[in-house]
Amino acid sequence: GSNRAGEYIYSRGSANGKRVQANLGAKNH
């Protein structure tokens, strides 16, 4: 999903001791 949601899920999930795989947005040229 989006960068904002992914960063939130990754940081909070990791802090809870979970393995988190987060695929975020991109800017392609």
PDB file of all heavy atoms in Angstrom:
ATOM      1  N   GLY A   1       0.815  -1.206   0.000  1.00  0.00           N
ATOM      2  CA  GLY A   1       0.000   0.000   0.000  1.00  0.00           C
ATOM      3  C   GLY A   1       0.849   1.256   0.000  1.00  0.00           C
ATOM      4  O   GLY A   1       1.995   1.260  -0.462  1.00  0.00           O
ATOM      5  N   SER A   2       0.282   2.302   0.547  1.00  0.00           N
ATOM      6  CA  SER A   2       0.915   3.618   0.480  1.00  0.00           C
ATOM      7  C   SER A   2       2.104   3.722   1.432  1.00  0.00           C
ATOM      8  O   SER A   2       2.238   2.953   2.390  1.00  0.00           O
ATOM      9  CB  SER A   2      -0.105   4.701   0.839  1.00  0.00           C
ATOM     10  OG  SER A   2      -0.424   4.638   2.219  1.00  0.00           O
ATOM     11  N   ASN A   3       2.955   4.715   1.175  1.00  0.00           N
ATOM     12  CA  ASN A   3       4.118   4.940   2.032  1.00  0.00           C
ATOM     13  C   ASN A   3       3.710   5.254   3.461  1.00  0.00           C
ATOM     14  O   ASN A   3       4.280   4.724   4.423  1.00  0.00           O
ATOM     15  CB  ASN A   3       4.951   6.095   1.475  1.00  0.00           C
ATOM     16  CG  ASN A   3       5.700   5.713   0.210  1.00  0.00           C
ATOM     17  OD1 ASN A   3       5.426   4.675  -0.385  1.00  0.00           O
ATOM     18  ND2 ASN A   3       6.622   6.550  -0.196  1.00  0.00           N
ATOM     19  N   ARG A   4       2.725   6.136   3.605  1.00  0.00           N
ATOM     20  CA  ARG A   4       2.328   6.572   4.942  1.00  0.00           C
ATOM     21  C   ARG A   4       1.831   5.397   5.775  1.00  0.00           C
ATOM     22  O   ARG A   4       2.264   5.204   6.920  1.00  0.00           O
ATOM     23  CB  ARG A   4       1.246   7.646   4.832  1.00  0.00           C
ATOM     24  CG  ARG A   4       0.775   8.181   6.167  1.00  0.00           C
ATOM     25  CD  ARG A   4      -0.298   9.244   5.974  1.00  0.00           C
ATOM     26  NE  ARG A   4      -0.818   9.725   7.241  1.00  0.00           N
ATOM     27  CZ  ARG A   4      -1.821  10.591   7.364  1.00  0.00           C
ATOM     28  NH1 ARG A   4      -2.402  11.082   6.275  1.00  0.00           N
ATOM     29  NH2 ARG A   4      -2.235  10.983   8.554  1.00  0.00           N
ATOM     30  N   ALA A   5       0.932   4.609   5.206  1.00  0.00           N
ATOM     31  CA  ALA A   5       0.401   3.461   5.945  1.00  0.00           C
ATOM     32  C   ALA A   5       1.484   2.419   6.178  1.00  0.00           C
ATOM     33  O   ALA A   5       1.583   1.835   7.267  1.00  0.00           O
ATOM     34  CB  ALA A   5      -0.774   2.855   5.182  1.00  0.00           C
ATOM     35  N   GLY A   6       2.319   2.180   5.158  1.00  0.00           N
ATOM     36  CA  GLY A   6       3.353   1.163   5.288  1.00  0.00           C
ATOM     37  C   GLY A   6       4.379   1.479   6.350  1.00  0.00           C
ATOM     38  O   GLY A   6       4.810   0.604   7.111  1.00  0.00           O
ATOM     39  N   GLU A   7       4.791   2.730   6.416  1.00  0.00           N
ATOM     40  CA  GLU A   7       5.767   3.132   7.429  1.00  0.00           C
ATOM     41  C   GLU A   7       5.181   2.973   8.833  1.00  0.00           C
ATOM     42  O   GLU A   7       5.880   2.551   9.773  1.00  0.00           O
ATOM     43  CB  GLU A   7       6.205   4.568   7.180  1.00  0.00           C
ATOM     44  CG  GLU A   7       7.078   4.723   5.937  1.00  0.00           C
ATOM     45  CD  GLU A   7       7.266   6.167   5.520  1.00  0.00           C
ATOM     46  OE1 GLU A   7       6.723   7.058   6.219  1.00  0.00           O
ATOM     47  OE2 GLU A   7       7.935   6.413   4.497  1.00  0.00           O
ATOM     48  N   TYR A   8       3.895   3.304   8.970  1.00  0.00           N
ATOM     49  CA  TYR A   8       3.217   3.161  10.264  1.00  0.00           C
ATOM     50  C   TYR A   8       3.129   1.688  10.662  1.00  0.00           C
ATOM     51  O   TYR A   8       3.475   1.308  11.802  1.00  0.00           O
ATOM     52  CB  TYR A   8       1.825   3.780  10.162  1.00  0.00           C
ATOM     53  CG  TYR A   8       0.928   3.495  11.343  1.00  0.00           C
ATOM     54  CD1 TYR A   8       1.116   4.150  12.554  1.00  0.00           C
ATOM     55  CD2 TYR A   8      -0.115   2.575  11.240  1.00  0.00           C
ATOM     56  CE1 TYR A   8       0.292   3.893  13.642  1.00  0.00           C
ATOM     57  CE2 TYR A   8      -0.951   2.315  12.315  1.00  0.00           C
ATOM     58  CZ  TYR A   8      -0.743   2.975  13.515  1.00  0.00           C
ATOM     59  OH  TYR A   8      -1.554   2.718  14.577  1.00  0.00           O
ATOM     60  N   ILE A   9       2.694   0.848   9.740  1.00  0.00           N
ATOM     61  CA  ILE A   9       2.542  -0.575  10.039  1.00  0.00           C
ATOM     62  C   ILE A   9       3.895  -1.210  10.339  1.00  0.00           C
ATOM     63  O   ILE A   9       4.034  -2.009  11.280  1.00  0.00           O
ATOM     64  CB  ILE A   9       1.837  -1.284   8.863  1.00  0.00           C
ATOM     65  CG1 ILE A   9       0.375  -0.827   8.783  1.00  0.00           C
ATOM     66  CG2 ILE A   9       1.921  -2.800   9.002  1.00  0.00           C
ATOM     67  CD1 ILE A   9      -0.325  -1.219   7.497  1.00  0.00           C
ATOM     68  N   TYR A  10       4.904  -0.832   9.561  1.00  0.00           N
ATOM     69  CA  TYR A  10       6.233  -1.420   9.763  1.00  0.00           C
ATOM     70  C   TYR A  10       6.803  -1.038  11.129  1.00  0.00           C
ATOM     71  O   TYR A  10       7.306  -1.901  11.871  1.00  0.00           O
ATOM     72  CB  TYR A  10       7.176  -0.959   8.650  1.00  0.00           C
ATOM     73  CG  TYR A  10       8.555  -1.561   8.760  1.00  0.00           C
ATOM     74  CD1 TYR A  10       8.822  -2.833   8.250  1.00  0.00           C
ATOM     75  CD2 TYR A  10       9.588  -0.877   9.400  1.00  0.00           C
ATOM     76  CE1 TYR A  10      10.084  -3.390   8.364  1.00  0.00           C
ATOM     77  CE2 TYR A  10      10.853  -1.432   9.511  1.00  0.00           C
ATOM     78  CZ  TYR A  10      11.088  -2.689   8.994  1.00  0.00           C
ATOM     79  OH  TYR A  10      12.328  -3.245   9.110  1.00  0.00           O
ATOM     80  N   SER A  11       6.727   0.239  11.480  1.00  0.00           N
ATOM     81  CA  SER A  11       7.334   0.679  12.732  1.00  0.00           C
ATOM     82  C   SER A  11       6.573   0.131  13.944  1.00  0.00           C
ATOM     83  O   SER A  11       7.190  -0.384  14.886  1.00  0.00           O
ATOM     84  CB  SER A  11       7.391   2.211  12.781  1.00  0.00           C
ATOM     85  OG  SER A  11       6.097   2.771  12.666  1.00  0.00           O
ATOM     86  N   ARG A  12       5.260   0.216  13.909  1.00  0.00           N
ATOM     87  CA  ARG A  12       4.483  -0.257  15.066  1.00  0.00           C
ATOM     88  C   ARG A  12       4.501  -1.780  15.149  1.00  0.00           C
ATOM     89  O   ARG A  12       4.619  -2.345  16.249  1.00  0.00           O
ATOM     90  CB  ARG A  12       3.050   0.271  14.971  1.00  0.00           C
ATOM     91  CG  ARG A  12       2.168  -0.082  16.151  1.00  0.00           C
ATOM     92  CD  ARG A  12       0.934   0.789  16.187  1.00  0.00           C
ATOM     93  NE  ARG A  12      -0.085   0.290  17.101  1.00  0.00           N
ATOM     94  CZ  ARG A  12      -1.210   0.920  17.382  1.00  0.00           C
ATOM     95  NH1 ARG A  12      -1.468   2.089  16.807  1.00  0.00           N
ATOM     96  NH2 ARG A  12      -2.096   0.411  18.219  1.00  0.00           N
ATOM     97  N   GLY A  13       4.387  -2.460  14.004  1.00  0.00           N
ATOM     98  CA  GLY A  13       4.429  -3.918  14.024  1.00  0.00           C
ATOM     99  C   GLY A  13       5.774  -4.446  14.482  1.00  0.00           C
ATOM    100  O   GLY A  13       5.855  -5.389  15.274  1.00  0.00           O
ATOM    101  N   SER A  14       6.851  -3.838  13.994  1.00  0.00           N
ATOM    102  CA  SER A  14       8.192  -4.266  14.404  1.00  0.00           C
ATOM    103  C   SER A  14       8.415  -4.030  15.894  1.00  0.00           C
ATOM    104  O   SER A  14       9.041  -4.845  16.583  1.00  0.00           O
ATOM    105  CB  SER A  14       9.248  -3.526  13.590  1.00  0.00           C
ATOM    106  OG  SER A  14       9.125  -3.812  12.213  1.00  0.00           O
ATOM    107  N   ALA A  15       7.903  -2.906  16.388  1.00  0.00           N
ATOM    108  CA  ALA A  15       8.032  -2.614  17.821  1.00  0.00           C
ATOM    109  C   ALA A  15       7.308  -3.653  18.666  1.00  0.00           C
ATOM    110  O   ALA A  15       7.686  -3.897  19.820  1.00  0.00           O
ATOM    111  CB  ALA A  15       7.482  -1.215  18.112  1.00  0.00           C
ATOM    112  N   ASN A  16       6.284  -4.284  18.085  1.00  0.00           N
ATOM    113  CA  ASN A  16       5.553  -5.338  18.787  1.00  0.00           C
ATOM    114  C   ASN A  16       6.186  -6.714  18.598  1.00  0.00           C
ATOM    115  O   ASN A  16       5.614  -7.728  19.009  1.00  0.00           O
ATOM    116  CB  ASN A  16       4.098  -5.383  18.311  1.00  0.00           C
ATOM    117  CG  ASN A  16       3.275  -4.236  18.863  1.00  0.00           C
ATOM    118  OD1 ASN A  16       3.566  -3.720  19.939  1.00  0.00           O
ATOM    119  ND2 ASN A  16       2.236  -3.831  18.136  1.00  0.00           N
ATOM    120  N   GLY A  17       7.361  -6.741  17.967  1.00  0.00           N
ATOM    121  CA  GLY A  17       8.079  -8.000  17.819  1.00  0.00           C
ATOM    122  C   GLY A  17       7.636  -8.856  16.646  1.00  0.00           C
ATOM    123  O   GLY A  17       8.008 -10.036  16.558  1.00  0.00           O
ATOM    124  N   LYS A  18       6.885  -8.290  15.716  1.00  0.00           N
ATOM    125  CA  LYS A  18       6.420  -9.056  14.567  1.00  0.00           C
ATOM    126  C   LYS A  18       7.391  -8.920  13.395  1.00  0.00           C
ATOM    127  O   LYS A  18       8.095  -7.914  13.268  1.00  0.00           O
ATOM    128  CB  LYS A  18       5.033  -8.556  14.115  1.00  0.00           C
ATOM    129  CG  LYS A  18       3.955  -8.628  15.185  1.00  0.00           C
ATOM    130  CD  LYS A  18       2.628  -8.148  14.623  1.00  0.00           C
ATOM    131  CE  LYS A  18       1.590  -7.968  15.722  1.00  0.00           C
ATOM    132  NZ  LYS A  18       1.259  -9.194  16.422  1.00  0.00           N
ATOM    133  N   ARG A  19       7.392  -9.915  12.540  1.00  0.00           N
ATOM    134  CA  ARG A  19       8.064  -9.779  11.261  1.00  0.00           C
ATOM    135  C   ARG A  19       7.116  -9.006  10.334  1.00  0.00           C
ATOM    136  O   ARG A  19       5.962  -9.397  10.173  1.00  0.00           O
ATOM    137  CB  ARG A  19       8.371 -11.147  10.657  1.00  0.00           C
ATOM    138  CG  ARG A  19       9.270 -12.005  11.526  1.00  0.00           C
ATOM    139  CD  ARG A  19       9.647 -13.289  10.803  1.00  0.00           C
ATOM    140  NE  ARG A  19      10.381 -14.187  11.667  1.00  0.00           N
ATOM    141  CZ  ARG A  19      10.926 -15.336  11.264  1.00  0.00           C
ATOM    142  NH1 ARG A  19      10.821 -15.703   9.989  1.00  0.00           N
ATOM    143  NH2 ARG A  19      11.578 -16.104  12.109  1.00  0.00           N
ATOM    144  N   VAL A  20       7.598  -7.941   9.736  1.00  0.00           N
ATOM    145  CA  VAL A  20       6.752  -7.107   8.879  1.00  0.00           C
ATOM    146  C   VAL A  20       7.407  -6.952   7.514  1.00  0.00           C
ATOM    147  O   VAL A  20       8.568  -6.550   7.409  1.00  0.00           O
ATOM    148  CB  VAL A  20       6.499  -5.715   9.497  1.00  0.00           C
ATOM    149  CG1 VAL A  20       5.566  -4.905   8.596  1.00  0.00           C
ATOM    150  CG2 VAL A  20       5.914  -5.836  10.892  1.00  0.00           C
ATOM    151  N   GLN A  21       6.650  -7.294   6.508  1.00  0.00           N
ATOM    152  CA  GLN A  21       7.070  -7.087   5.122  1.00  0.00           C
ATOM    153  C   GLN A  21       6.178  -5.989   4.551  1.00  0.00           C
ATOM    154  O   GLN A  21       4.966  -6.150   4.469  1.00  0.00           O
ATOM    155  CB  GLN A  21       6.901  -8.381   4.332  1.00  0.00           C
ATOM    156  CG  GLN A  21       7.078  -8.235   2.832  1.00  0.00           C
ATOM    157  CD  GLN A  21       6.821  -9.542   2.123  1.00  0.00           C
ATOM    158  OE1 GLN A  21       7.691 -10.395   2.064  1.00  0.00           O
ATOM    159  NE2 GLN A  21       5.621  -9.716   1.589  1.00  0.00           N
ATOM    160  N   ALA A  22       6.751  -4.860   4.176  1.00  0.00           N
ATOM    161  CA  ALA A  22       5.965  -3.713   3.717  1.00  0.00           C
ATOM    162  C   ALA A  22       6.422  -3.288   2.328  1.00  0.00           C
ATOM    163  O   ALA A  22       7.565  -2.875   2.138  1.00  0.00           O
ATOM    164  CB  ALA A  22       6.089  -2.547   4.697  1.00  0.00           C
ATOM    165  N   ASN A  23       5.523  -3.423   1.367  1.00  0.00           N
ATOM    166  CA  ASN A  23       5.777  -2.978   0.003  1.00  0.00           C
ATOM    167  C   ASN A  23       5.050  -1.655  -0.204  1.00  0.00           C
ATOM    168  O   ASN A  23       3.813  -1.616  -0.213  1.00  0.00           O
ATOM    169  CB  ASN A  23       5.270  -4.018  -0.998  1.00  0.00           C
ATOM    170  CG  ASN A  23       6.018  -5.331  -0.875  1.00  0.00           C
ATOM    171  OD1 ASN A  23       7.090  -5.494  -1.423  1.00  0.00           O
ATOM    172  ND2 ASN A  23       5.439  -6.271  -0.141  1.00  0.00           N
ATOM    173  N   LEU A  24       5.801  -0.575  -0.393  1.00  0.00           N
ATOM    174  CA  LEU A  24       5.211   0.765  -0.395  1.00  0.00           C
ATOM    175  C   LEU A  24       5.111   1.309  -1.821  1.00  0.00           C
ATOM    176  O   LEU A  24       5.282   0.605  -2.797  1.00  0.00           O
ATOM    177  CB  LEU A  24       6.037   1.686   0.487  1.00  0.00           C
ATOM    178  CG  LEU A  24       6.377   1.140   1.879  1.00  0.00           C
ATOM    179  CD1 LEU A  24       7.093   2.192   2.706  1.00  0.00           C
ATOM    180  CD2 LEU A  24       5.142   0.649   2.605  1.00  0.00           C
ATOM    181  N   GLY A  25       4.808   2.595  -1.913  1.00  0.00           N
ATOM    182  CA  GLY A  25       4.630   3.235  -3.210  1.00  0.00           C
ATOM    183  C   GLY A  25       5.945   3.448  -3.928  1.00  0.00           C
ATOM    184  O   GLY A  25       7.029   3.123  -3.438  1.00  0.00           O
ATOM    185  N   ALA A  26       5.851   4.029  -5.123  1.00  0.00           N
ATOM    186  CA  ALA A  26       7.053   4.244  -5.930  1.00  0.00           C
ATOM    187  C   ALA A  26       6.843   5.453  -6.838  1.00  0.00           C
ATOM    188  O   ALA A  26       5.721   5.879  -7.080  1.00  0.00           O
ATOM    189  CB  ALA A  26       7.355   3.013  -6.777  1.00  0.00           C
ATOM    190  N   LYS A  27       7.939   5.992  -7.303  1.00  0.00           N
ATOM    191  CA  LYS A  27       7.915   7.085  -8.280  1.00  0.00           C
ATOM    192  C   LYS A  27       8.791   6.644  -9.432  1.00  0.00           C
ATOM    193  O   LYS A  27      10.021   6.573  -9.303  1.00  0.00           O
ATOM    194  CB  LYS A  27       8.455   8.375  -7.647  1.00  0.00           C
ATOM    195  CG  LYS A  27       8.230   9.611  -8.499  1.00  0.00           C
ATOM    196  CD  LYS A  27       6.762  10.003  -8.520  1.00  0.00           C
ATOM    197  CE  LYS A  27       6.540  11.328  -9.209  1.00  0.00           C
ATOM    198  NZ  LYS A  27       5.105  11.661  -9.292  1.00  0.00           N
ATOM    199  N   ASN A  28       8.173   6.322 -10.563  1.00  0.00           N
ATOM    200  CA  ASN A  28       8.896   5.688 -11.654  1.00  0.00           C
ATOM    201  C   ASN A  28       9.181   6.661 -12.799  1.00  0.00           C
ATOM    202  O   ASN A  28       8.312   7.416 -13.220  1.00  0.00           O
ATOM    203  CB  ASN A  28       8.091   4.499 -12.178  1.00  0.00           C
ATOM    204  CG  ASN A  28       7.816   3.498 -11.075  1.00  0.00           C
ATOM    205  OD1 ASN A  28       8.733   2.999 -10.439  1.00  0.00           O
ATOM    206  ND2 ASN A  28       6.548   3.226 -10.817  1.00  0.00           N
ATOM    207  N   HIS A  29      10.412   6.615 -13.273  1.00  0.00           N
ATOM    208  CA  HIS A  29      10.858   7.479 -14.362  1.00  0.00           C
ATOM    209  C   HIS A  29      11.283   6.617 -15.554  1.00  0.00           C
ATOM    210  O   HIS A  29      11.770   5.497 -15.381  1.00  0.00           O
ATOM    211  CB  HIS A  29      12.065   8.327 -13.934  1.00  0.00           C
ATOM    212  CG  HIS A  29      11.772   9.293 -12.823  1.00  0.00           C
ATOM    213  ND1 HIS A  29      11.308   8.889 -11.594  1.00  0.00           N
ATOM    214  CD2 HIS A  29      11.879  10.647 -12.772  1.00  0.00           C
ATOM    215  CE1 HIS A  29      11.141   9.957 -10.824  1.00  0.00           C
ATOM    216  NE2 HIS A  29      11.484  11.028 -11.514  1.00  0.00           N
TER     217      HIS A  29
END
